[in-house]
Amino acid sequence: MNIEWIDGSKITVSTDSQEVLISANKEGLLSLAAQLKALAEGIPGDHIHYDEYTSLEEGSTEMIIERVK
């Protein structure tokens, strides 16, 4: 799966004991939307890893989104 980011994308993921917060600028939201669309069109088991070393802002919680049935 081709993962593309719009220049200037910024996404932060944080968690507490009861919720997950995804904060993003316009470019980050548009990038995430395109990636989720590609994932939805994939096959069960396809997934995308997001972390501060590949796509999220420093200090973010790692996030994995997986396509199921």
Protein backbone atom coordinates (compact mmCIF):
# COMPACT_ATOMS: atom_id res chain seq x y z
CA MET A 1 0.00 0.00 0.00
CA ASN A 2 1.33 3.40 -0.97
CA ILE A 3 1.34 5.78 2.01
CA GLU A 4 1.63 9.41 1.00
CA TRP A 5 1.77 12.55 3.09
CA ILE A 6 0.88 16.07 2.02
CA ASP A 7 3.74 18.47 2.75
CA GLY A 8 3.29 20.13 6.12
CA SER A 9 1.21 17.29 7.62
CA LYS A 10 1.13 17.24 11.40
CA ILE A 11 -0.67 14.57 13.44
CA THR A 12 -0.45 13.90 17.16
CA VAL A 13 -2.00 10.89 18.90
CA SER A 14 -2.45 10.83 22.67
CA THR A 15 -4.25 8.51 25.06
CA ASP A 16 -5.43 8.37 28.60
CA SER A 17 -7.17 5.55 30.41
CA GLN A 18 -10.46 6.03 28.55
CA GLU A 19 -9.94 7.77 25.24
CA VAL A 20 -7.73 8.34 22.22
CA LEU A 21 -7.25 11.86 20.84
CA ILE A 22 -6.05 12.39 17.27
CA SER A 23 -5.12 16.03 16.62
CA ALA A 24 -4.12 17.12 13.14
CA ASN A 25 -3.79 20.12 10.89
CA LYS A 26 -5.61 20.31 7.53
CA GLU A 27 -2.78 18.60 5.64
CA GLY A 28 -2.58 15.84 8.23
CA LEU A 29 -6.33 15.20 8.09
CA LEU A 30 -6.34 15.10 4.28
CA SER A 31 -3.38 12.69 4.30
CA LEU A 32 -5.04 10.48 6.90
CA ALA A 33 -8.31 10.49 4.93
CA ALA A 34 -6.54 9.35 1.75
CA GLN A 35 -4.70 6.61 3.66
CA LEU A 36 -7.92 5.38 5.29
CA LYS A 37 -9.59 5.27 1.87
CA ALA A 38 -6.72 3.20 0.49
CA LEU A 39 -6.92 0.92 3.52
CA ALA A 40 -10.69 0.50 3.08
CA GLU A 41 -10.11 -0.56 -0.54
CA GLY A 42 -7.47 -3.09 0.53
CA ILE A 43 -7.91 -6.60 1.84
CA PRO A 44 -8.54 -7.84 5.39
CA GLY A 45 -5.27 -7.85 7.29
CA ASP A 46 -3.87 -4.75 5.58
CA HIS A 47 -2.76 -2.25 8.19
CA ILE A 48 -0.86 0.99 8.66
CA HIS A 49 1.54 1.71 11.53
CA TYR A 50 1.80 5.29 12.73
CA ASP A 51 4.47 6.39 15.20
CA GLU A 52 6.68 9.36 15.95
CA TYR A 53 9.54 7.87 13.89
CA THR A 54 7.57 7.56 10.65
CA SER A 55 4.62 9.94 10.61
CA LEU A 56 3.39 11.32 13.94
CA GLU A 57 4.66 14.25 15.94
CA GLU A 58 7.26 13.62 18.65
CA GLY A 59 5.75 12.24 21.87
CA SER A 60 2.74 10.71 20.11
CA THR A 61 1.32 7.34 21.08
CA GLU A 62 1.87 4.62 18.47
CA MET A 63 -1.28 3.77 16.50
CA ILE A 64 -2.08 0.87 14.18
CA ILE A 65 -5.17 0.89 11.98
CA GLU A 66 -6.16 -2.47 10.46
CA ARG A 67 -8.63 -3.44 7.75
CA VAL A 68 -10.92 -6.28 8.80
CA LYS A 69 -13.85 -7.89 6.98
